[in-house]
Amino acid sequence: MKPLLVLLAVFAVSLLTTKVIHRRFEFALSGRIAMSAMLVFTALAHFVFTKGMSMMLPDFIPYKTLIVYGTGIFEIAAAIGLLIPKFRVIAAWLLIGFFILILPANIYAALNHIDYQKGTFDGYGLSYLWFRIPLQCVFICWTYLSFRKNNSG
């Protein structure tokens, strides 16, 4: 829920700011700025809640802590890439792939009631997926719509 709030709040502020600066709404640019802010916010969790995020990966996966740190670094790199015109398209496609690839970790965490912030097994469980799966689709569509060539910004 917090990442969605960050995404929407930054989008609203960016949209109003671009309206003032450019005298028109820059939806794609505001979308990229908002997604970048959200990615930096979620990347921080990889470094603050490393233990809990490591628990989101099944036991058969090695180097869990390294994967958690690596995905946090990836999110920061993607956030930067979305804002640089030369890297925007590749960053967006990699990010879309990333959003698809991390969904199984979220499903695994829900099945095992993992609360990544506490690093415990008393999370929301399967009911969380009713929110998380549509949210993941929102992130994917948001990313796609904010980098298409026919969008301004």
N, C-alpha and C. Protein backbone atom coordinates (compact mmCIF):
# COMPACT_ATOMS: atom_id res chain seq x y z
N MET A 1 0.81 -1.19 0.00
CA MET A 1 0.00 0.00 0.00
C MET A 1 0.86 1.27 0.00
N LYS A 2 1.94 1.26 0.77
CA LYS A 2 2.80 2.44 0.84
C LYS A 2 3.41 2.79 -0.52
N PRO A 3 3.92 1.80 -1.28
CA PRO A 3 4.45 2.15 -2.60
C PRO A 3 3.39 2.79 -3.51
N LEU A 4 2.16 2.31 -3.44
CA LEU A 4 1.10 2.89 -4.25
C LEU A 4 0.83 4.33 -3.84
N LEU A 5 0.84 4.60 -2.55
CA LEU A 5 0.64 5.97 -2.07
C LEU A 5 1.77 6.89 -2.53
N VAL A 6 3.00 6.39 -2.47
CA VAL A 6 4.14 7.18 -2.96
C VAL A 6 3.96 7.46 -4.46
N LEU A 7 3.62 6.43 -5.22
CA LEU A 7 3.44 6.56 -6.66
C LEU A 7 2.39 7.63 -6.98
N LEU A 8 1.24 7.54 -6.34
CA LEU A 8 0.14 8.47 -6.64
C LEU A 8 0.43 9.89 -6.15
N ALA A 9 1.03 10.01 -4.97
CA ALA A 9 1.33 11.35 -4.44
C ALA A 9 2.37 12.06 -5.30
N VAL A 10 3.43 11.36 -5.65
CA VAL A 10 4.48 11.98 -6.48
C VAL A 10 3.93 12.28 -7.87
N PHE A 11 3.07 11.42 -8.39
CA PHE A 11 2.46 11.67 -9.70
C PHE A 11 1.64 12.96 -9.66
N ALA A 12 0.83 13.13 -8.63
CA ALA A 12 0.00 14.33 -8.51
C ALA A 12 0.85 15.59 -8.42
N VAL A 13 1.88 15.55 -7.59
CA VAL A 13 2.76 16.72 -7.45
C VAL A 13 3.50 16.99 -8.76
N SER A 14 4.00 15.95 -9.40
CA SER A 14 4.72 16.11 -10.67
C SER A 14 3.80 16.66 -11.76
N LEU A 15 2.59 16.17 -11.80
CA LEU A 15 1.63 16.62 -12.80
C LEU A 15 1.33 18.11 -12.63
N LEU A 16 1.11 18.52 -11.41
CA LEU A 16 0.84 19.94 -11.15
C LEU A 16 2.07 20.79 -11.45
N THR A 17 3.24 20.29 -11.10
CA THR A 17 4.48 21.02 -11.36
C THR A 17 4.72 21.18 -12.86
N THR A 18 4.50 20.11 -13.63
CA THR A 18 4.70 20.22 -15.08
C THR A 18 3.67 21.16 -15.71
N LYS A 19 2.49 21.21 -15.15
CA LYS A 19 1.46 22.13 -15.66
C LYS A 19 1.91 23.58 -15.46
N VAL A 20 2.49 23.86 -14.31
CA VAL A 20 2.97 25.21 -14.02
C VAL A 20 4.17 25.55 -14.90
N ILE A 21 5.12 24.64 -15.01
CA ILE A 21 6.36 24.91 -15.75
C ILE A 21 6.15 24.92 -17.26
N HIS A 22 5.45 23.90 -17.78
CA HIS A 22 5.30 23.75 -19.24
C HIS A 22 3.95 24.26 -19.77
N ARG A 23 3.09 24.69 -18.88
CA ARG A 23 1.76 25.16 -19.23
C ARG A 23 0.88 24.07 -19.84
N ARG A 24 1.25 22.83 -19.58
CA ARG A 24 0.43 21.68 -19.99
C ARG A 24 0.79 20.51 -19.07
N PHE A 25 -0.12 19.59 -18.97
CA PHE A 25 0.15 18.40 -18.17
C PHE A 25 1.08 17.47 -18.94
N GLU A 26 2.12 17.01 -18.30
CA GLU A 26 3.07 16.06 -18.89
C GLU A 26 2.85 14.72 -18.20
N PHE A 27 1.88 13.96 -18.71
CA PHE A 27 1.49 12.71 -18.06
C PHE A 27 2.62 11.67 -18.06
N ALA A 28 3.27 11.49 -19.20
CA ALA A 28 4.33 10.48 -19.29
C ALA A 28 5.52 10.84 -18.40
N LEU A 29 5.94 12.08 -18.47
CA LEU A 29 7.06 12.53 -17.63
C LEU A 29 6.70 12.40 -16.15
N SER A 30 5.52 12.85 -15.79
CA SER A 30 5.08 12.74 -14.40
C SER A 30 4.98 11.28 -13.96
N GLY A 31 4.55 10.43 -14.88
CA GLY A 31 4.49 9.00 -14.58
C GLY A 31 5.86 8.40 -14.33
N ARG A 32 6.84 8.82 -15.13
CA ARG A 32 8.21 8.32 -14.94
C ARG A 32 8.82 8.84 -13.64
N ILE A 33 8.57 10.10 -13.34
CA ILE A 33 9.08 10.66 -12.08
C ILE A 33 8.47 9.92 -10.90
N ALA A 34 7.17 9.69 -10.96
CA ALA A 34 6.48 8.99 -9.87
C ALA A 34 6.98 7.56 -9.71
N MET A 35 7.14 6.85 -10.82
CA MET A 35 7.64 5.48 -10.75
C MET A 35 9.06 5.47 -10.21
N SER A 36 9.87 6.42 -10.62
CA SER A 36 11.24 6.50 -10.11
C SER A 36 11.27 6.73 -8.60
N ALA A 37 10.43 7.62 -8.14
CA ALA A 37 10.35 7.88 -6.69
C ALA A 37 9.90 6.63 -5.94
N MET A 38 8.90 5.95 -6.49
CA MET A 38 8.42 4.73 -5.85
C MET A 38 9.51 3.66 -5.80
N LEU A 39 10.26 3.54 -6.89
CA LEU A 39 11.33 2.54 -6.94
C LEU A 39 12.43 2.83 -5.91
N VAL A 40 12.78 4.09 -5.74
CA VAL A 40 13.78 4.43 -4.72
C VAL A 40 13.22 4.10 -3.33
N PHE A 41 11.95 4.40 -3.12
CA PHE A 41 11.30 4.08 -1.85
C PHE A 41 11.31 2.58 -1.59
N THR A 42 10.93 1.79 -2.58
CA THR A 42 10.90 0.33 -2.38
C THR A 42 12.30 -0.25 -2.31
N ALA A 43 13.25 0.36 -3.01
CA ALA A 43 14.64 -0.13 -2.94
C ALA A 43 15.19 0.00 -1.53
N LEU A 44 14.81 1.04 -0.84
CA LEU A 44 15.28 1.22 0.54
C LEU A 44 14.88 0.04 1.41
N ALA A 45 13.71 -0.52 1.16
CA ALA A 45 13.25 -1.68 1.94
C ALA A 45 14.19 -2.86 1.79
N HIS A 46 14.84 -2.99 0.64
CA HIS A 46 15.77 -4.09 0.41
C HIS A 46 16.97 -4.01 1.34
N PHE A 47 17.29 -2.81 1.78
CA PHE A 47 18.44 -2.61 2.65
C PHE A 47 18.04 -2.50 4.13
N VAL A 48 16.81 -2.08 4.37
CA VAL A 48 16.31 -1.94 5.75
C VAL A 48 15.69 -3.25 6.26
N PHE A 49 14.96 -3.94 5.38
CA PHE A 49 14.25 -5.17 5.76
C PHE A 49 14.84 -6.39 5.06
N THR A 50 16.14 -6.46 5.00
CA THR A 50 16.83 -7.52 4.26
C THR A 50 16.43 -8.91 4.76
N LYS A 51 16.39 -9.10 6.06
CA LYS A 51 16.04 -10.42 6.60
C LYS A 51 14.66 -10.86 6.12
N GLY A 52 13.66 -9.99 6.28
CA GLY A 52 12.30 -10.33 5.87
C GLY A 52 12.18 -10.54 4.38
N MET A 53 12.88 -9.73 3.60
CA MET A 53 12.83 -9.91 2.15
C MET A 53 13.51 -11.20 1.73
N SER A 54 14.55 -11.59 2.44
CA SER A 54 15.21 -12.87 2.16
C SER A 54 14.26 -14.03 2.42
N MET A 55 13.39 -13.87 3.42
CA MET A 55 12.42 -14.91 3.74
C MET A 55 11.39 -15.09 2.62
N MET A 56 11.24 -14.10 1.76
CA MET A 56 10.28 -14.18 0.66
C MET A 56 10.74 -15.11 -0.45
N LEU A 57 11.98 -15.53 -0.40
CA LEU A 57 12.53 -16.44 -1.41
C LEU A 57 12.50 -17.87 -0.89
N PRO A 58 12.10 -18.83 -1.73
CA PRO A 58 12.05 -20.23 -1.29
C PRO A 58 13.42 -20.74 -0.84
N ASP A 59 13.41 -21.76 0.00
CA ASP A 59 14.64 -22.31 0.57
C ASP A 59 15.64 -22.80 -0.47
N PHE A 60 15.15 -23.27 -1.62
CA PHE A 60 16.07 -23.82 -2.62
C PHE A 60 16.88 -22.76 -3.36
N ILE A 61 16.55 -21.49 -3.16
CA ILE A 61 17.28 -20.41 -3.84
C ILE A 61 18.47 -20.01 -2.97
N PRO A 62 19.69 -20.09 -3.54
CA PRO A 62 20.88 -19.71 -2.77
C PRO A 62 21.11 -18.19 -2.81
N TYR A 63 21.99 -17.73 -1.95
CA TYR A 63 22.44 -16.33 -1.94
C TYR A 63 21.27 -15.34 -1.82
N LYS A 64 20.36 -15.64 -0.93
CA LYS A 64 19.16 -14.81 -0.78
C LYS A 64 19.49 -13.35 -0.45
N THR A 65 20.40 -13.15 0.49
CA THR A 65 20.74 -11.78 0.88
C THR A 65 21.34 -11.02 -0.30
N LEU A 66 22.20 -11.67 -1.05
CA LEU A 66 22.79 -11.05 -2.23
C LEU A 66 21.71 -10.70 -3.26
N ILE A 67 20.74 -11.59 -3.43
CA ILE A 67 19.64 -11.33 -4.37
C ILE A 67 18.82 -10.12 -3.90
N VAL A 68 18.55 -10.05 -2.61
CA VAL A 68 17.78 -8.93 -2.08
C VAL A 68 18.53 -7.61 -2.30
N TYR A 69 19.81 -7.59 -1.98
CA TYR A 69 20.60 -6.38 -2.23
C TYR A 69 20.66 -6.06 -3.73
N GLY A 70 20.86 -7.08 -4.54
CA GLY A 70 20.94 -6.88 -5.99
C GLY A 70 19.66 -6.32 -6.58
N THR A 71 18.52 -6.82 -6.11
CA THR A 71 17.25 -6.29 -6.63
C THR A 71 17.01 -4.86 -6.14
N GLY A 72 17.50 -4.54 -4.96
CA GLY A 72 17.40 -3.16 -4.49
C GLY A 72 18.24 -2.23 -5.35
N ILE A 73 19.44 -2.66 -5.68
CA ILE A 73 20.31 -1.88 -6.57
C ILE A 73 19.68 -1.76 -7.95
N PHE A 74 19.08 -2.86 -8.44
CA PHE A 74 18.40 -2.82 -9.73
C PHE A 74 17.28 -1.77 -9.72
N GLU A 75 16.50 -1.73 -8.66
CA GLU A 75 15.40 -0.77 -8.59
C GLU A 75 15.91 0.67 -8.64
N ILE A 76 17.02 0.93 -7.98
CA ILE A 76 17.61 2.28 -8.03
C ILE A 76 18.10 2.59 -9.44
N ALA A 77 18.77 1.63 -10.07
CA ALA A 77 19.26 1.82 -11.44
C ALA A 77 18.09 2.04 -12.40
N ALA A 78 17.02 1.28 -12.24
CA ALA A 78 15.84 1.45 -13.10
C ALA A 78 15.22 2.82 -12.88
N ALA A 79 15.18 3.28 -11.64
CA ALA A 79 14.63 4.60 -11.33
C ALA A 79 15.41 5.69 -12.07
N ILE A 80 16.71 5.56 -12.07
CA ILE A 80 17.56 6.52 -12.78
C ILE A 80 17.36 6.38 -14.29
N GLY A 81 17.36 5.15 -14.77
CA GLY A 81 17.20 4.90 -16.20
C GLY A 81 15.92 5.45 -16.78
N LEU A 82 14.83 5.38 -16.02
CA LEU A 82 13.55 5.90 -16.51
C LEU A 82 13.60 7.41 -16.76
N LEU A 83 14.51 8.09 -16.09
CA LEU A 83 14.58 9.55 -16.20
C LEU A 83 15.60 10.04 -17.22
N ILE A 84 16.37 9.13 -17.79
CA ILE A 84 17.37 9.50 -18.79
C ILE A 84 16.85 9.04 -20.16
N PRO A 85 16.57 10.00 -21.06
CA PRO A 85 15.97 9.64 -22.35
C PRO A 85 16.68 8.51 -23.09
N LYS A 86 18.00 8.50 -23.06
CA LYS A 86 18.77 7.47 -23.77
C LYS A 86 18.50 6.06 -23.23
N PHE A 87 18.18 5.95 -21.96
CA PHE A 87 17.99 4.64 -21.31
C PHE A 87 16.53 4.34 -20.96
N ARG A 88 15.64 5.26 -21.23
CA ARG A 88 14.24 5.15 -20.82
C ARG A 88 13.58 3.86 -21.29
N VAL A 89 13.70 3.54 -22.56
CA VAL A 89 12.99 2.38 -23.11
C VAL A 89 13.55 1.08 -22.55
N ILE A 90 14.85 0.92 -22.54
CA ILE A 90 15.44 -0.32 -22.02
C ILE A 90 15.16 -0.45 -20.53
N ALA A 91 15.23 0.66 -19.79
CA ALA A 91 14.94 0.61 -18.35
C ALA A 91 13.50 0.19 -18.12
N ALA A 92 12.59 0.72 -18.93
CA ALA A 92 11.17 0.38 -18.76
C ALA A 92 10.92 -1.09 -19.06
N TRP A 93 11.49 -1.60 -20.15
CA TRP A 93 11.28 -3.02 -20.48
C TRP A 93 11.90 -3.94 -19.43
N LEU A 94 13.07 -3.58 -18.95
CA LEU A 94 13.69 -4.38 -17.88
C LEU A 94 12.85 -4.32 -16.61
N LEU A 95 12.29 -3.17 -16.33
CA LEU A 95 11.45 -3.02 -15.14
C LEU A 95 10.17 -3.83 -15.26
N ILE A 96 9.57 -3.83 -16.44
CA ILE A 96 8.37 -4.65 -16.66
C ILE A 96 8.70 -6.13 -16.44
N GLY A 97 9.82 -6.56 -16.99
CA GLY A 97 10.26 -7.95 -16.77
C GLY A 97 10.49 -8.23 -15.29
N PHE A 98 11.10 -7.29 -14.60
CA PHE A 98 11.35 -7.42 -13.17
C PHE A 98 10.05 -7.56 -12.39
N PHE A 99 9.06 -6.73 -12.72
CA PHE A 99 7.77 -6.81 -12.03
C PHE A 99 7.11 -8.17 -12.23
N ILE A 100 7.29 -8.73 -13.41
CA ILE A 100 6.74 -10.07 -13.67
C ILE A 100 7.52 -11.12 -12.88
N LEU A 101 8.83 -11.01 -12.87
CA LEU A 101 9.68 -12.01 -12.21
C LEU A 101 9.56 -12.01 -10.68
N ILE A 102 9.25 -10.87 -10.08
CA ILE A 102 9.17 -10.86 -8.61
C ILE A 102 7.80 -11.29 -8.09
N LEU A 103 6.82 -11.40 -8.96
CA LEU A 103 5.49 -11.80 -8.50
C LEU A 103 5.50 -13.16 -7.79
N PRO A 104 6.24 -14.16 -8.29
CA PRO A 104 6.27 -15.44 -7.54
C PRO A 104 6.80 -15.29 -6.11
N ALA A 105 7.73 -14.37 -5.88
CA ALA A 105 8.22 -14.15 -4.51
C ALA A 105 7.11 -13.59 -3.63
N ASN A 106 6.29 -12.73 -4.19
CA ASN A 106 5.16 -12.19 -3.43
C ASN A 106 4.12 -13.27 -3.14
N ILE A 107 3.91 -14.15 -4.11
CA ILE A 107 2.98 -15.27 -3.90
C ILE A 107 3.53 -16.21 -2.83
N TYR A 108 4.80 -16.54 -2.91
CA TYR A 108 5.44 -17.40 -1.92
C TYR A 108 5.33 -16.78 -0.52
N ALA A 109 5.58 -15.48 -0.43
CA ALA A 109 5.49 -14.79 0.86
C ALA A 109 4.06 -14.84 1.41
N ALA A 110 3.08 -14.67 0.54
CA ALA A 110 1.68 -14.73 0.99
C ALA A 110 1.31 -16.13 1.44
N LEU A 111 1.73 -17.13 0.68
CA LEU A 111 1.44 -18.53 1.05
C LEU A 111 2.02 -18.88 2.41
N ASN A 112 3.16 -18.27 2.74
CA ASN A 112 3.86 -18.57 3.99
C ASN A 112 3.65 -17.50 5.07
N HIS A 113 2.71 -16.59 4.83
CA HIS A 113 2.36 -15.54 5.80
C HIS A 113 3.58 -14.73 6.24
N ILE A 114 4.46 -14.43 5.31
CA ILE A 114 5.68 -13.70 5.65
C ILE A 114 5.39 -12.20 5.75
N ASP A 115 5.78 -11.62 6.84
CA ASP A 115 5.75 -10.17 7.03
C ASP A 115 7.19 -9.70 6.85
N TYR A 116 7.50 -9.17 5.68
CA TYR A 116 8.90 -8.85 5.38
C TYR A 116 9.44 -7.72 6.25
N GLN A 117 8.57 -6.84 6.72
CA GLN A 117 9.06 -5.74 7.56
C GLN A 117 9.47 -6.22 8.94
N LYS A 118 8.76 -7.19 9.47
CA LYS A 118 9.10 -7.73 10.79
C LYS A 118 10.02 -8.94 10.69
N GLY A 119 10.06 -9.58 9.53
CA GLY A 119 10.84 -10.80 9.38
C GLY A 119 10.23 -11.95 10.14
N THR A 120 8.88 -12.00 10.12
CA THR A 120 8.15 -13.03 10.86
C THR A 120 7.18 -13.76 9.93
N PHE A 121 6.53 -14.78 10.48
CA PHE A 121 5.55 -15.55 9.72
C PHE A 121 4.12 -15.22 10.16
N ASP A 122 3.84 -13.97 10.44
CA ASP A 122 2.49 -13.57 10.82
C ASP A 122 1.93 -12.50 9.88
N GLY A 123 2.26 -12.62 8.60
CA GLY A 123 1.79 -11.67 7.59
C GLY A 123 0.34 -11.92 7.21
N TYR A 124 -0.14 -11.19 6.22
CA TYR A 124 -1.54 -11.23 5.82
C TYR A 124 -1.98 -12.55 5.20
N GLY A 125 -1.08 -13.27 4.62
CA GLY A 125 -1.46 -14.53 3.98
C GLY A 125 -2.04 -14.31 2.60
N LEU A 126 -2.84 -15.28 2.15
CA LEU A 126 -3.37 -15.27 0.79
C LEU A 126 -4.25 -14.06 0.48
N SER A 127 -4.91 -13.51 1.48
CA SER A 127 -5.77 -12.35 1.22
C SER A 127 -4.96 -11.18 0.66
N TYR A 128 -3.67 -11.13 0.97
CA TYR A 128 -2.79 -10.07 0.45
C TYR A 128 -2.72 -10.10 -1.07
N LEU A 129 -2.85 -11.29 -1.65
CA LEU A 129 -2.73 -11.41 -3.11
C LEU A 129 -3.88 -10.72 -3.84
N TRP A 130 -5.03 -10.57 -3.20
CA TRP A 130 -6.15 -9.87 -3.83
C TRP A 130 -5.79 -8.41 -4.09
N PHE A 131 -4.85 -7.89 -3.32
CA PHE A 131 -4.35 -6.54 -3.52
C PHE A 131 -3.08 -6.54 -4.36
N ARG A 132 -2.16 -7.44 -4.05
CA ARG A 132 -0.83 -7.42 -4.65
C ARG A 132 -0.83 -7.74 -6.14
N ILE A 133 -1.58 -8.73 -6.56
CA ILE A 133 -1.55 -9.10 -7.98
C ILE A 133 -2.11 -7.97 -8.85
N PRO A 134 -3.27 -7.39 -8.53
CA PRO A 134 -3.71 -6.23 -9.33
C PRO A 134 -2.73 -5.06 -9.25
N LEU A 135 -2.12 -4.86 -8.07
CA LEU A 135 -1.14 -3.78 -7.93
C LEU A 135 0.05 -4.01 -8.86
N GLN A 136 0.49 -5.25 -8.96
CA GLN A 136 1.61 -5.56 -9.85
C GLN A 136 1.22 -5.23 -11.30
N CYS A 137 -0.02 -5.52 -11.67
CA CYS A 137 -0.51 -5.18 -13.02
C CYS A 137 -0.53 -3.67 -13.22
N VAL A 138 -0.90 -2.93 -12.19
CA VAL A 138 -0.88 -1.46 -12.26
C VAL A 138 0.54 -0.97 -12.50
N PHE A 139 1.50 -1.52 -11.77
CA PHE A 139 2.90 -1.12 -11.94
C PHE A 139 3.38 -1.40 -13.37
N ILE A 140 3.02 -2.55 -13.90
CA ILE A 140 3.43 -2.92 -15.26
C ILE A 140 2.81 -1.97 -16.28
N CYS A 141 1.50 -1.74 -16.18
CA CYS A 141 0.83 -0.84 -17.13
C CYS A 141 1.33 0.59 -16.98
N TRP A 142 1.55 1.02 -15.76
CA TRP A 142 2.06 2.37 -15.49
C TRP A 142 3.40 2.58 -16.19
N THR A 143 4.27 1.60 -16.01
CA THR A 143 5.61 1.69 -16.62
C THR A 143 5.49 1.73 -18.14
N TYR A 144 4.68 0.86 -18.70
CA TYR A 144 4.52 0.81 -20.15
C TYR A 144 3.97 2.13 -20.70
N LEU A 145 2.93 2.63 -20.07
CA LEU A 145 2.30 3.86 -20.57
C LEU A 145 3.18 5.09 -20.41
N SER A 146 4.13 5.05 -19.49
CA SER A 146 4.95 6.24 -19.27
C SER A 146 6.21 6.30 -20.15
N PHE A 147 6.48 5.26 -20.93
CA PHE A 147 7.66 5.35 -21.78
C PHE A 147 7.35 5.26 -23.27
N ARG A 148 6.12 5.01 -23.64
CA ARG A 148 5.79 4.90 -25.06
C ARG A 148 6.16 6.17 -25.81
N LYS A 149 6.59 6.01 -27.05
CA LYS A 149 7.11 7.15 -27.82
C LYS A 149 6.07 8.22 -28.12
N ASN A 150 4.79 7.85 -28.23
CA ASN A 150 3.80 8.85 -28.58
C ASN A 150 3.33 9.66 -27.37
N ASN A 151 3.90 9.38 -26.20
CA ASN A 151 3.61 10.20 -25.02
C ASN A 151 4.57 11.38 -25.00
N SER A 152 4.10 12.49 -24.49
CA SER A 152 4.99 13.65 -24.38
C SER A 152 5.90 13.48 -23.18
N GLY A 153 6.96 14.27 -23.13
CA GLY A 153 7.86 14.26 -21.98
C GLY A 153 9.02 13.39 -22.21
